[in-house]
């Protein structure tokens, strides 16, 4: 309680705005996962699935509803980064896991085991620990300051590692293992996402300063960050669609969240030097928060096929019913459904 009191007393109005925007973002994004997947399923029933390289979902109105919902959430998230540090905003994405898992259970009939619910709780607890010990926002007066931070050797080395890993995943692992290993698609999304968040934060700061009277649009650095944001977001959306269409939503959401959050905070620590403004106790507490989140994700992953009070026979009958109604089986989340359906 003492930590909560100290944290709340030290919150600025900008941090409060950032928190509200981040929470709103999680609500929209969590719901968008479900709506988009419903659209992907409808599109896959009449064309080539996104997981098999198809783009028929672009003609599906339901997918666009989900996309618009996600865009609204991302805009709120974008604004949040302009007011609060990434290490504070990013962990709040845990709320989207809870919303996504709950709606997947209700709407998509993707069952969530009791231990899966415990995993969601652990994700929230870990995120709360990180939020309560987040560092203060770095005061920046110009987008050129962010550019100087982004071009320091430490972050340039990180960005080079990320780009190398992304190209290896896309050109070597995606063709061979994309349909059978969930970490391939999510790995691309998370790695690219860590770079996009740094650029989003830079662009958000530029717009915030511009609206306050200090025009940042005259600097080429602002437009360079904009180009990076557009490129990264398009890449993320493409491979996130593939992951959602191929694997169980209740598994995609938490794994993507953990990888994306971990890499984003790592990028923020390197670029904005967040930990330089913290004492060892705060840093250790944040690391414990990460371990708690990882534990929650592990529970979600290990219990993905477990359903309370359901026998193997009744589960098989439900799988066949779902297969007839939806065109493919959703109960096997980590592998393609080739044995249960015919890919056109």
C-alpha atoms as a PDB file:
ATOM      1  CA  UNK A   1       0.000   0.000   0.000  1.00  0.00           C
ATOM      2  CA  UNK A   2       2.880   2.331   0.760  1.00  0.00           C
ATOM      3  CA  UNK A   3       4.237   1.763  -2.738  1.00  0.00           C
ATOM      4  CA  UNK A   4       0.821   2.510  -4.215  1.00  0.00           C
ATOM      5  CA  UNK A   5       0.533   5.715  -2.165  1.00  0.00           C
ATOM      6  CA  UNK A   6       4.003   6.926  -3.156  1.00  0.00           C
ATOM      7  CA  UNK A   7       3.311   6.060  -6.786  1.00  0.00           C
ATOM      8  CA  UNK A   8      -0.064   7.845  -6.917  1.00  0.00           C
ATOM      9  CA  UNK A   9       1.305  10.933  -5.159  1.00  0.00           C
ATOM     10  CA  UNK A  10       4.130  11.158  -7.678  1.00  0.00           C
ATOM     11  CA  UNK A  11       1.912  10.804 -10.734  1.00  0.00           C
ATOM     12  CA  UNK A  12       1.737  13.795 -13.026  1.00  0.00           C
ATOM     13  CA  UNK A  13      -1.352  14.764 -14.986  1.00  0.00           C
ATOM     14  CA  UNK A  14       0.393  13.486 -18.113  1.00  0.00           C
ATOM     15  CA  UNK A  15       0.930  10.062 -16.513  1.00  0.00           C
ATOM     16  CA  UNK A  16      -2.751   9.903 -15.551  1.00  0.00           C
ATOM     17  CA  UNK A  17      -3.724  10.683 -19.147  1.00  0.00           C
ATOM     18  CA  UNK A  18      -1.325   8.024 -20.356  1.00  0.00           C
ATOM     19  CA  UNK A  19      -2.807   5.408 -18.033  1.00  0.00           C
ATOM     20  CA  UNK A  20      -6.398   6.170 -19.050  1.00  0.00           C
ATOM     21  CA  UNK A  21      -5.490   6.020 -22.729  1.00  0.00           C
ATOM     22  CA  UNK A  22      -3.562   2.768 -22.262  1.00  0.00           C
ATOM     23  CA  UNK A  23      -6.478   1.102 -20.455  1.00  0.00           C
ATOM     24  CA  UNK A  24      -8.914   2.230 -23.162  1.00  0.00           C
ATOM     25  CA  UNK A  25      -6.539   0.892 -25.784  1.00  0.00           C
ATOM     26  CA  UNK A  26      -6.477  -2.547 -24.164  1.00  0.00           C
ATOM     27  CA  UNK A  27     -10.278  -2.730 -24.156  1.00  0.00           C
ATOM     28  CA  UNK A  28     -10.513  -2.005 -27.879  1.00  0.00           C
ATOM     29  CA  UNK A  29      -7.570  -4.200 -28.892  1.00  0.00           C
ATOM     30  CA  UNK A  30      -8.753  -7.170 -26.811  1.00  0.00           C
ATOM     31  CA  UNK A  31     -12.156  -7.082 -28.507  1.00  0.00           C
ATOM     32  CA  UNK A  32     -10.605  -6.586 -31.955  1.00  0.00           C
ATOM     33  CA  UNK A  33      -8.787  -9.947 -31.767  1.00  0.00           C
ATOM     34  CA  UNK A  34     -12.120 -11.740 -31.594  1.00  0.00           C
ATOM     35  CA  UNK A  35     -13.906  -9.722 -34.274  1.00  0.00           C
ATOM     36  CA  UNK A  36     -10.970 -10.043 -36.659  1.00  0.00           C
ATOM     37  CA  UNK A  37     -10.775 -13.797 -36.161  1.00  0.00           C
ATOM     38  CA  UNK A  38     -14.499 -14.158 -36.869  1.00  0.00           C
ATOM     39  CA  UNK A  39     -13.862 -12.279 -40.098  1.00  0.00           C
ATOM     40  CA  UNK A  40     -10.864 -14.457 -40.933  1.00  0.00           C
ATOM     41  CA  UNK A  41     -12.947 -17.591 -40.395  1.00  0.00           C
ATOM     42  CA  UNK A  42     -15.719 -16.324 -42.687  1.00  0.00           C
ATOM     43  CA  UNK A  43     -13.211 -15.330 -45.353  1.00  0.00           C
ATOM     44  CA  UNK A  44     -11.383 -18.659 -45.075  1.00  0.00           C
ATOM     45  CA  UNK A  45     -14.618 -20.572 -45.676  1.00  0.00           C
ATOM     46  CA  UNK A  46     -14.937 -19.090 -49.163  1.00  0.00           C
ATOM     47  CA  UNK A  47     -11.334 -18.454 -50.159  1.00  0.00           C
ATOM     48  CA  UNK A  48      -7.692 -19.075 -49.321  1.00  0.00           C
ATOM     49  CA  UNK A  49      -7.001 -18.696 -45.605  1.00  0.00           C
ATOM     50  CA  UNK A  50      -4.630 -15.974 -44.391  1.00  0.00           C
ATOM     51  CA  UNK A  51      -2.506 -18.644 -42.743  1.00  0.00           C
ATOM     52  CA  UNK A  52      -1.995 -20.215 -46.192  1.00  0.00           C
ATOM     53  CA  UNK A  53      -1.026 -16.936 -47.807  1.00  0.00           C
ATOM     54  CA  UNK A  54      -4.478 -15.734 -48.880  1.00  0.00           C
ATOM     55  CA  UNK A  55      -5.849 -12.199 -48.618  1.00  0.00           C
ATOM     56  CA  UNK A  56      -9.571 -12.839 -49.098  1.00  0.00           C
ATOM     57  CA  UNK A  57     -10.173 -11.389 -45.620  1.00  0.00           C
ATOM     58  CA  UNK A  58      -9.695  -7.935 -47.171  1.00  0.00           C
ATOM     59  CA  UNK A  59     -13.141  -8.374 -48.763  1.00  0.00           C
ATOM     60  CA  UNK A  60     -14.801  -9.430 -45.494  1.00  0.00           C
ATOM     61  CA  UNK A  61     -16.702  -6.568 -43.717  1.00  0.00           C
ATOM     62  CA  UNK A  62     -16.431  -8.256 -40.313  1.00  0.00           C
ATOM     63  CA  UNK A  63     -12.637  -8.284 -40.576  1.00  0.00           C
ATOM     64  CA  UNK A  64     -12.693  -4.567 -41.316  1.00  0.00           C
ATOM     65  CA  UNK A  65     -14.868  -3.948 -38.237  1.00  0.00           C
ATOM     66  CA  UNK A  66     -12.239  -5.706 -36.165  1.00  0.00           C
ATOM     67  CA  UNK A  67      -9.508  -3.772 -37.933  1.00  0.00           C
ATOM     68  CA  UNK A  68     -11.212  -0.442 -37.213  1.00  0.00           C
ATOM     69  CA  UNK A  69     -11.626  -1.450 -33.579  1.00  0.00           C
ATOM     70  CA  UNK A  70      -7.937  -2.269 -33.405  1.00  0.00           C
ATOM     71  CA  UNK A  71      -7.036   1.027 -35.080  1.00  0.00           C
ATOM     72  CA  UNK A  72      -9.051   2.920 -32.445  1.00  0.00           C
ATOM     73  CA  UNK A  73      -7.194   1.000 -29.749  1.00  0.00           C
ATOM     74  CA  UNK A  74      -3.842   1.666 -31.401  1.00  0.00           C
ATOM     75  CA  UNK A  75      -4.606   5.379 -31.673  1.00  0.00           C
ATOM     76  CA  UNK A  76      -5.329   5.464 -27.939  1.00  0.00           C
ATOM     77  CA  UNK A  77      -2.130   3.500 -27.368  1.00  0.00           C
ATOM     78  CA  UNK A  78      -0.235   5.894 -29.622  1.00  0.00           C
ATOM     79  CA  UNK A  79      -1.448   8.854 -27.580  1.00  0.00           C
ATOM     80  CA  UNK A  80      -0.582   7.090 -24.311  1.00  0.00           C
ATOM     81  CA  UNK A  81       3.079   6.805 -25.311  1.00  0.00           C
ATOM     82  CA  UNK A  82       3.211  10.571 -25.812  1.00  0.00           C
ATOM     83  CA  UNK A  83       2.268  11.126 -22.163  1.00  0.00           C
ATOM     84  CA  UNK A  84       3.830   8.236 -20.238  1.00  0.00           C
ATOM     85  CA  UNK A  85       6.992   6.070 -20.483  1.00  0.00           C
ATOM     86  CA  UNK A  86       6.854   2.834 -22.471  1.00  0.00           C
ATOM     87  CA  UNK A  87       7.729   0.781 -19.394  1.00  0.00           C
ATOM     88  CA  UNK A  88       4.497   2.071 -17.808  1.00  0.00           C
ATOM     89  CA  UNK A  89       2.162   1.944 -20.824  1.00  0.00           C
ATOM     90  CA  UNK A  90       3.168  -1.353 -22.435  1.00  0.00           C
ATOM     91  CA  UNK A  91       2.472  -3.737 -19.500  1.00  0.00           C
ATOM     92  CA  UNK A  92      -1.129  -2.510 -19.332  1.00  0.00           C
ATOM     93  CA  UNK A  93      -1.707  -4.531 -22.484  1.00  0.00           C
ATOM     94  CA  UNK A  94      -2.313  -7.431 -20.080  1.00  0.00           C
ATOM     95  CA  UNK A  95      -5.919  -6.293 -19.910  1.00  0.00           C
ATOM     96  CA  UNK A  96      -6.336  -7.131 -23.588  1.00  0.00           C
ATOM     97  CA  UNK A  97      -5.372 -10.736 -22.773  1.00  0.00           C
ATOM     98  CA  UNK A  98      -8.217 -11.046 -20.285  1.00  0.00           C
ATOM     99  CA  UNK A  99     -10.746  -9.510 -22.669  1.00  0.00           C
ATOM    100  CA  UNK A 100      -9.550 -11.593 -25.609  1.00  0.00           C
ATOM    101  CA  UNK A 101      -9.523 -14.865 -23.660  1.00  0.00           C
ATOM    102  CA  UNK A 102     -12.971 -14.233 -22.156  1.00  0.00           C
ATOM    103  CA  UNK A 103     -14.546 -13.322 -25.505  1.00  0.00           C
ATOM    104  CA  UNK A 104     -12.823 -16.257 -27.228  1.00  0.00           C
ATOM    105  CA  UNK A 105     -14.395 -18.539 -24.617  1.00  0.00           C
ATOM    106  CA  UNK A 106     -17.860 -17.050 -25.139  1.00  0.00           C
ATOM    107  CA  UNK A 107     -17.942 -16.243 -28.860  1.00  0.00           C
ATOM    108  CA  UNK A 108     -15.376 -18.523 -30.520  1.00  0.00           C
ATOM    109  CA  UNK A 109     -15.987 -21.465 -28.165  1.00  0.00           C
ATOM    110  CA  UNK A 110     -12.269 -21.723 -27.426  1.00  0.00           C
ATOM    111  CA  UNK A 111     -12.374 -23.248 -23.957  1.00  0.00           C
ATOM    112  CA  UNK A 112     -10.243 -21.780 -21.188  1.00  0.00           C
ATOM    113  CA  UNK A 113      -9.208 -24.051 -18.327  1.00  0.00           C
ATOM    114  CA  UNK A 114      -9.305 -22.912 -14.704  1.00  0.00           C
ATOM    115  CA  UNK A 115      -5.523 -22.738 -14.688  1.00  0.00           C
ATOM    116  CA  UNK A 116      -5.746 -20.630 -17.827  1.00  0.00           C
ATOM    117  CA  UNK A 117      -7.814 -18.137 -15.844  1.00  0.00           C
ATOM    118  CA  UNK A 118      -5.145 -18.232 -13.138  1.00  0.00           C
ATOM    119  CA  UNK A 119      -2.601 -17.528 -15.864  1.00  0.00           C
ATOM    120  CA  UNK A 120      -4.535 -14.412 -16.866  1.00  0.00           C
ATOM    121  CA  UNK A 121      -4.574 -13.276 -13.243  1.00  0.00           C
ATOM    122  CA  UNK A 122      -0.820 -13.777 -12.974  1.00  0.00           C
ATOM    123  CA  UNK A 123      -0.316 -11.681 -16.105  1.00  0.00           C
ATOM    124  CA  UNK A 124      -2.259  -8.838 -14.517  1.00  0.00           C
ATOM    125  CA  UNK A 125      -0.424  -9.164 -11.172  1.00  0.00           C
ATOM    126  CA  UNK A 126       2.942  -9.076 -12.918  1.00  0.00           C
ATOM    127  CA  UNK A 127       1.920  -6.077 -14.979  1.00  0.00           C
ATOM    128  CA  UNK A 128       0.707  -4.270 -11.869  1.00  0.00           C
ATOM    129  CA  UNK A 129       4.078  -4.800 -10.182  1.00  0.00           C
ATOM    130  CA  UNK A 130       5.804  -3.252 -13.194  1.00  0.00           C
ATOM    131  CA  UNK A 131       3.413  -0.311 -13.337  1.00  0.00           C
ATOM    132  CA  UNK A 132       3.783   0.468  -9.619  1.00  0.00           C
ATOM    133  CA  UNK A 133       7.559   0.704  -9.957  1.00  0.00           C
ATOM    134  CA  UNK A 134       7.785   2.337 -13.373  1.00  0.00           C
ATOM    135  CA  UNK A 135      10.355   5.127 -13.806  1.00  0.00           C
ATOM    136  CA  UNK A 136       9.358   8.762 -14.358  1.00  0.00           C
ATOM    137  CA  UNK A 137       9.010   9.963 -17.936  1.00  0.00           C
ATOM    138  CA  UNK A 138      12.120  11.438 -19.519  1.00  0.00           C
ATOM    139  CA  UNK A 139      11.688  15.138 -20.241  1.00  0.00           C
ATOM    140  CA  UNK A 140      12.223  15.796 -23.950  1.00  0.00           C
ATOM    141  CA  UNK A 141      11.982  19.212 -25.589  1.00  0.00           C
ATOM    142  CA  UNK A 142      12.487  18.307 -29.261  1.00  0.00           C
ATOM    143  CA  UNK A 143      12.195  15.345 -31.628  1.00  0.00           C
ATOM    144  CA  UNK A 144      15.886  15.824 -32.407  1.00  0.00           C
ATOM    145  CA  UNK A 145      16.633  14.694 -28.831  1.00  0.00           C
ATOM    146  CA  UNK A 146      14.808  11.424 -29.540  1.00  0.00           C
ATOM    147  CA  UNK A 147      16.751  11.050 -32.791  1.00  0.00           C
ATOM    148  CA  UNK A 148      20.021  11.465 -30.889  1.00  0.00           C
ATOM    149  CA  UNK A 149      18.933   8.717 -28.494  1.00  0.00           C
ATOM    150  CA  UNK A 150      17.939   6.438 -31.404  1.00  0.00           C
ATOM    151  CA  UNK A 151      21.297   6.885 -33.150  1.00  0.00           C
ATOM    152  CA  UNK A 152      23.448   6.049 -30.141  1.00  0.00           C
ATOM    153  CA  UNK A 153      25.571   2.867 -30.598  1.00  0.00           C
ATOM    154  CA  UNK A 154      23.600   0.822 -28.068  1.00  0.00           C
ATOM    155  CA  UNK A 155      20.229   1.219 -29.756  1.00  0.00           C
ATOM    156  CA  UNK A 156      21.690   0.990 -33.272  1.00  0.00           C
ATOM    157  CA  UNK A 157      23.180  -2.386 -32.311  1.00  0.00           C
ATOM    158  CA  UNK A 158      19.794  -3.534 -30.931  1.00  0.00           C
ATOM    159  CA  UNK A 159      17.992  -2.384 -34.093  1.00  0.00           C
ATOM    160  CA  UNK A 160      20.516  -4.243 -36.278  1.00  0.00           C
ATOM    161  CA  UNK A 161      19.978  -7.445 -34.269  1.00  0.00           C
ATOM    162  CA  UNK A 162      16.200  -7.078 -34.604  1.00  0.00           C
ATOM    163  CA  UNK A 163      16.325  -6.532 -38.377  1.00  0.00           C
ATOM    164  CA  UNK A 164      18.655  -9.504 -38.824  1.00  0.00           C
ATOM    165  CA  UNK A 165      16.386 -11.770 -36.768  1.00  0.00           C
ATOM    166  CA  UNK A 166      13.264 -10.586 -38.633  1.00  0.00           C
ATOM    167  CA  UNK A 167      14.768 -11.254 -42.063  1.00  0.00           C
ATOM    168  CA  UNK A 168      15.930 -14.728 -40.971  1.00  0.00           C
ATOM    169  CA  UNK A 169      12.451 -15.537 -39.627  1.00  0.00           C
ATOM    170  CA  UNK A 170      10.635 -14.239 -42.725  1.00  0.00           C
ATOM    171  CA  UNK A 171      12.823 -15.786 -45.400  1.00  0.00           C
ATOM    172  CA  UNK A 172      13.926 -19.025 -43.703  1.00  0.00           C
ATOM    173  CA  UNK A 173      11.568 -20.052 -40.899  1.00  0.00           C
ATOM    174  CA  UNK A 174       8.190 -18.743 -42.101  1.00  0.00           C
ATOM    175  CA  UNK A 175       8.075 -20.911 -45.288  1.00  0.00           C
ATOM    176  CA  UNK A 176       9.077 -24.059 -43.385  1.00  0.00           C
ATOM    177  CA  UNK A 177       7.624 -23.678 -39.904  1.00  0.00           C
ATOM    178  CA  UNK A 178       5.110 -20.821 -39.986  1.00  0.00           C
ATOM    179  CA  UNK A 179       2.087 -23.162 -40.089  1.00  0.00           C
ATOM    180  CA  UNK A 180       3.268 -25.432 -37.285  1.00  0.00           C
ATOM    181  CA  UNK A 181       5.235 -23.274 -34.825  1.00  0.00           C
ATOM    182  CA  UNK A 182       3.414 -20.359 -33.228  1.00  0.00           C
ATOM    183  CA  UNK A 183       6.626 -18.566 -32.248  1.00  0.00           C
ATOM    184  CA  UNK A 184       7.571 -17.883 -35.885  1.00  0.00           C
ATOM    185  CA  UNK A 185       4.730 -15.486 -36.748  1.00  0.00           C
ATOM    186  CA  UNK A 186       4.631 -13.994 -33.258  1.00  0.00           C
ATOM    187  CA  UNK A 187       8.405 -13.592 -33.243  1.00  0.00           C
ATOM    188  CA  UNK A 188       8.218 -11.373 -36.331  1.00  0.00           C
ATOM    189  CA  UNK A 189       5.358  -9.307 -34.837  1.00  0.00           C
ATOM    190  CA  UNK A 190       7.108  -8.836 -31.499  1.00  0.00           C
ATOM    191  CA  UNK A 191      10.541  -7.958 -32.851  1.00  0.00           C
ATOM    192  CA  UNK A 192       9.157  -5.449 -35.334  1.00  0.00           C
ATOM    193  CA  UNK A 193       6.779  -4.158 -32.662  1.00  0.00           C
ATOM    194  CA  UNK A 194       9.618  -3.189 -30.313  1.00  0.00           C
ATOM    195  CA  UNK A 195      11.029  -0.907 -33.003  1.00  0.00           C
ATOM    196  CA  UNK A 196       7.618   0.468 -33.946  1.00  0.00           C
ATOM    197  CA  UNK A 197       6.824   1.458 -30.340  1.00  0.00           C
ATOM    198  CA  UNK A 198      10.042   3.460 -30.073  1.00  0.00           C
ATOM    199  CA  UNK A 199       9.129   5.249 -33.319  1.00  0.00           C
ATOM    200  CA  UNK A 200       5.520   5.694 -32.178  1.00  0.00           C
ATOM    201  CA  UNK A 201       6.741   7.270 -28.947  1.00  0.00           C
ATOM    202  CA  UNK A 202       9.049   9.595 -30.900  1.00  0.00           C
ATOM    203  CA  UNK A 203       6.227  10.574 -33.256  1.00  0.00           C
ATOM    204  CA  UNK A 204       3.815  11.019 -30.346  1.00  0.00           C
ATOM    205  CA  UNK A 205       6.270  13.331 -28.591  1.00  0.00           C
ATOM    206  CA  UNK A 206       6.697  15.309 -31.822  1.00  0.00           C
ATOM    207  CA  UNK A 207       2.930  15.764 -32.207  1.00  0.00           C
ATOM    208  CA  UNK A 208       2.484  16.599 -28.520  1.00  0.00           C
ATOM    209  CA  UNK A 209       5.150  19.310 -28.762  1.00  0.00           C
ATOM    210  CA  UNK A 210       3.640  20.562 -32.030  1.00  0.00           C
ATOM    211  CA  UNK A 211       0.186  20.932 -30.487  1.00  0.00           C
ATOM    212  CA  UNK A 212       1.735  22.782 -27.540  1.00  0.00           C
ATOM    213  CA  UNK A 213       3.198  25.399 -29.887  1.00  0.00           C
ATOM    214  CA  UNK A 214       6.646  23.996 -30.722  1.00  0.00           C
ATOM    215  CA  UNK A 215       6.350  22.839 -34.343  1.00  0.00           C
ATOM    216  CA  UNK A 216       8.239  19.579 -34.861  1.00  0.00           C
ATOM    217  CA  UNK A 217       6.936  18.896 -38.374  1.00  0.00           C
ATOM    218  CA  UNK A 218       9.738  20.991 -39.847  1.00  0.00           C
ATOM    219  CA  UNK A 219      12.319  18.437 -38.723  1.00  0.00           C
ATOM    220  CA  UNK A 220      13.144  15.564 -41.134  1.00  0.00           C
ATOM    221  CA  UNK A 221      13.528  13.283 -38.108  1.00  0.00           C
ATOM    222  CA  UNK A 222       9.766  13.473 -37.513  1.00  0.00           C
ATOM    223  CA  UNK A 223       9.054  12.142 -41.007  1.00  0.00           C
ATOM    224  CA  UNK A 224      11.753   9.490 -40.692  1.00  0.00           C
ATOM    225  CA  UNK A 225      10.070   8.170 -37.549  1.00  0.00           C
ATOM    226  CA  UNK A 226       6.717   8.282 -39.394  1.00  0.00           C
ATOM    227  CA  UNK A 227       8.099   6.107 -42.205  1.00  0.00           C
ATOM    228  CA  UNK A 228       9.420   3.573 -39.696  1.00  0.00           C
ATOM    229  CA  UNK A 229       6.037   3.466 -37.922  1.00  0.00           C
ATOM    230  CA  UNK A 230       4.106   2.807 -41.165  1.00  0.00           C
ATOM    231  CA  UNK A 231       6.526   0.087 -42.312  1.00  0.00           C
ATOM    232  CA  UNK A 232       6.547  -1.690 -38.952  1.00  0.00           C
ATOM    233  CA  UNK A 233       2.767  -1.539 -38.427  1.00  0.00           C
ATOM    234  CA  UNK A 234       2.044  -3.004 -41.888  1.00  0.00           C
ATOM    235  CA  UNK A 235       4.486  -5.853 -41.190  1.00  0.00           C
ATOM    236  CA  UNK A 236       3.000  -6.498 -37.756  1.00  0.00           C
ATOM    237  CA  UNK A 237      -0.579  -6.618 -39.064  1.00  0.00           C
ATOM    238  CA  UNK A 238       0.326  -9.034 -41.847  1.00  0.00           C
ATOM    239  CA  UNK A 239       1.964 -11.601 -39.590  1.00  0.00           C
ATOM    240  CA  UNK A 240      -0.509 -11.120 -36.747  1.00  0.00           C
ATOM    241  CA  UNK A 241      -3.302 -12.000 -39.184  1.00  0.00           C
ATOM    242  CA  UNK A 242      -1.432 -15.164 -40.121  1.00  0.00           C
ATOM    243  CA  UNK A 243      -0.978 -16.102 -36.455  1.00  0.00           C
ATOM    244  CA  UNK A 244      -4.645 -15.481 -35.584  1.00  0.00           C
ATOM    245  CA  UNK A 245      -5.867 -17.478 -38.569  1.00  0.00           C
ATOM    246  CA  UNK A 246      -3.575 -20.436 -37.863  1.00  0.00           C
ATOM    247  CA  UNK A 247      -3.577 -20.747 -34.073  1.00  0.00           C
ATOM    248  CA  UNK A 248      -5.928 -20.491 -31.106  1.00  0.00           C
ATOM    249  CA  UNK A 249      -6.683 -16.877 -30.118  1.00  0.00           C
ATOM    250  CA  UNK A 250      -6.431 -17.676 -26.404  1.00  0.00           C
ATOM    251  CA  UNK A 251      -2.824 -18.772 -27.014  1.00  0.00           C
ATOM    252  CA  UNK A 252      -1.801 -16.142 -29.586  1.00  0.00           C
ATOM    253  CA  UNK A 253      -2.850 -13.196 -27.427  1.00  0.00           C
ATOM    254  CA  UNK A 254      -0.828 -13.935 -24.251  1.00  0.00           C
ATOM    255  CA  UNK A 255       2.305 -15.145 -26.052  1.00  0.00           C
ATOM    256  CA  UNK A 256       2.269 -12.109 -28.318  1.00  0.00           C
ATOM    257  CA  UNK A 257       1.719  -9.879 -25.309  1.00  0.00           C
ATOM    258  CA  UNK A 258       4.643 -11.309 -23.328  1.00  0.00           C
ATOM    259  CA  UNK A 259       7.108 -11.232 -26.236  1.00  0.00           C
ATOM    260  CA  UNK A 260       6.009  -7.803 -27.398  1.00  0.00           C
ATOM    261  CA  UNK A 261       6.092  -6.337 -23.872  1.00  0.00           C
ATOM    262  CA  UNK A 262       9.475  -7.825 -23.017  1.00  0.00           C
ATOM    263  CA  UNK A 263      11.139  -6.651 -26.216  1.00  0.00           C
ATOM    264  CA  UNK A 264       9.497  -3.226 -26.068  1.00  0.00           C
ATOM    265  CA  UNK A 265      10.657  -2.583 -22.514  1.00  0.00           C
ATOM    266  CA  UNK A 266      14.127  -3.843 -23.439  1.00  0.00           C
ATOM    267  CA  UNK A 267      14.204  -1.419 -26.366  1.00  0.00           C
ATOM    268  CA  UNK A 268      12.993   1.401 -24.109  1.00  0.00           C
ATOM    269  CA  UNK A 269      15.639   0.620 -21.493  1.00  0.00           C
ATOM    270  CA  UNK A 270      18.334   0.756 -24.175  1.00  0.00           C
ATOM    271  CA  UNK A 271      17.062   3.828 -26.024  1.00  0.00           C
ATOM    272  CA  UNK A 272      15.594   5.990 -23.246  1.00  0.00           C
ATOM    273  CA  UNK A 273      17.801   4.558 -20.473  1.00  0.00           C
ATOM    274  CA  UNK A 274      14.798   4.054 -18.182  1.00  0.00           C
ATOM    275  CA  UNK A 275      16.728   2.072 -15.584  1.00  0.00           C
ATOM    276  CA  UNK A 276      19.223   4.902 -15.109  1.00  0.00           C
ATOM    277  CA  UNK A 277      16.448   6.743 -13.266  1.00  0.00           C
ATOM    278  CA  UNK A 278      15.629   3.828 -10.939  1.00  0.00           C
ATOM    279  CA  UNK A 279      17.167   2.227  -7.870  1.00  0.00           C
ATOM    280  CA  UNK A 280      18.058  -1.504  -7.663  1.00  0.00           C
ATOM    281  CA  UNK A 281      14.900  -2.318  -5.656  1.00  0.00           C
ATOM    282  CA  UNK A 282      12.620  -0.945  -8.370  1.00  0.00           C
ATOM    283  CA  UNK A 283      14.504  -2.782 -11.099  1.00  0.00           C
ATOM    284  CA  UNK A 284      14.385  -6.096  -9.215  1.00  0.00           C
ATOM    285  CA  UNK A 285      10.646  -5.651  -8.576  1.00  0.00           C
ATOM    286  CA  UNK A 286      10.071  -5.044 -12.284  1.00  0.00           C
ATOM    287  CA  UNK A 287      12.022  -8.196 -13.119  1.00  0.00           C
ATOM    288  CA  UNK A 288       9.847 -10.142 -10.660  1.00  0.00           C
ATOM    289  CA  UNK A 289       6.843  -8.722 -12.494  1.00  0.00           C
ATOM    290  CA  UNK A 290       8.214 -10.125 -15.734  1.00  0.00           C
ATOM    291  CA  UNK A 291       8.671 -13.558 -14.161  1.00  0.00           C
ATOM    292  CA  UNK A 292       5.076 -13.456 -12.915  1.00  0.00           C
ATOM    293  CA  UNK A 293       3.808 -12.572 -16.392  1.00  0.00           C
ATOM    294  CA  UNK A 294       5.854 -15.372 -17.933  1.00  0.00           C
ATOM    295  CA  UNK A 295       4.432 -17.804 -15.362  1.00  0.00           C
ATOM    296  CA  UNK A 296       0.907 -16.772 -16.312  1.00  0.00           C
ATOM    297  CA  UNK A 297       1.644 -17.259 -19.987  1.00  0.00           C
ATOM    298  CA  UNK A 298       3.125 -20.696 -19.271  1.00  0.00           C
ATOM    299  CA  UNK A 299      -0.102 -21.724 -17.536  1.00  0.00           C
ATOM    300  CA  UNK A 300      -2.187 -20.474 -20.467  1.00  0.00           C
ATOM    301  CA  UNK A 301      -0.012 -22.416 -22.878  1.00  0.00           C
ATOM    302  CA  UNK A 302       0.050 -25.688 -20.898  1.00  0.00           C
ATOM    303  CA  UNK A 303      -3.719 -25.724 -20.307  1.00  0.00           C
ATOM    304  CA  UNK A 304      -4.766 -24.792 -23.864  1.00  0.00           C
ATOM    305  CA  UNK A 305      -6.264 -28.229 -24.559  1.00  0.00           C
ATOM    306  CA  UNK A 306      -7.759 -28.831 -21.104  1.00  0.00           C
ATOM    307  CA  UNK A 307     -11.451 -28.298 -20.396  1.00  0.00           C
ATOM    308  CA  UNK A 308     -13.022 -28.681 -16.943  1.00  0.00           C
ATOM    309  CA  UNK A 309     -15.568 -31.487 -16.559  1.00  0.00           C
ATOM    310  CA  UNK A 310     -15.391 -32.641 -20.168  1.00  0.00           C
ATOM    311  CA  UNK A 311     -14.763 -36.212 -21.240  1.00  0.00           C
ATOM    312  CA  UNK A 312     -12.715 -37.143 -24.290  1.00  0.00           C
ATOM    313  CA  UNK A 313     -15.820 -38.454 -26.062  1.00  0.00           C
ATOM    314  CA  UNK A 314     -17.898 -35.321 -25.575  1.00  0.00           C
ATOM    315  CA  UNK A 315     -14.895 -33.197 -26.566  1.00  0.00           C
ATOM    316  CA  UNK A 316     -14.511 -35.164 -29.801  1.00  0.00           C
ATOM    317  CA  UNK A 317     -18.220 -34.764 -30.591  1.00  0.00           C
ATOM    318  CA  UNK A 318     -17.966 -31.014 -30.009  1.00  0.00           C
ATOM    319  CA  UNK A 319     -14.882 -30.829 -32.247  1.00  0.00           C
ATOM    320  CA  UNK A 320     -16.765 -32.531 -35.087  1.00  0.00           C
ATOM    321  CA  UNK A 321     -19.724 -30.189 -34.618  1.00  0.00           C
ATOM    322  CA  UNK A 322     -17.468 -27.149 -34.735  1.00  0.00           C
ATOM    323  CA  UNK A 323     -15.734 -28.528 -37.789  1.00  0.00           C
ATOM    324  CA  UNK A 324     -19.038 -28.836 -39.634  1.00  0.00           C
ATOM    325  CA  UNK A 325     -20.186 -25.348 -38.616  1.00  0.00           C
ATOM    326  CA  UNK A 326     -16.930 -23.398 -39.028  1.00  0.00           C
ATOM    327  CA  UNK A 327     -15.100 -25.289 -41.754  1.00  0.00           C
ATOM    328  CA  UNK A 328     -12.129 -26.159 -39.570  1.00  0.00           C
ATOM    329  CA  UNK A 329     -11.387 -27.245 -36.019  1.00  0.00           C
ATOM    330  CA  UNK A 330     -10.402 -24.628 -33.410  1.00  0.00           C
ATOM    331  CA  UNK A 331      -9.606 -27.089 -30.639  1.00  0.00           C
ATOM    332  CA  UNK A 332      -6.032 -27.831 -31.769  1.00  0.00           C
ATOM    333  CA  UNK A 333      -4.329 -24.484 -31.352  1.00  0.00           C
ATOM    334  CA  UNK A 334      -0.653 -25.148 -32.066  1.00  0.00           C
ATOM    335  CA  UNK A 335      -0.731 -27.051 -35.340  1.00  0.00           C
ATOM    336  CA  UNK A 336      -2.451 -26.849 -38.717  1.00  0.00           C
ATOM    337  CA  UNK A 337      -5.756 -28.620 -39.116  1.00  0.00           C
ATOM    338  CA  UNK A 338      -4.692 -30.491 -42.292  1.00  0.00           C
ATOM    339  CA  UNK A 339      -5.854 -33.821 -40.905  1.00  0.00           C
ATOM    340  CA  UNK A 340      -9.346 -32.489 -40.279  1.00  0.00           C
ATOM    341  CA  UNK A 341     -10.025 -30.393 -43.389  1.00  0.00           C
ATOM    342  CA  UNK A 342      -9.103 -30.032 -47.017  1.00  0.00           C
ATOM    343  CA  UNK A 343      -7.138 -26.891 -47.955  1.00  0.00           C
ATOM    344  CA  UNK A 344      -8.284 -25.647 -51.375  1.00  0.00           C
END
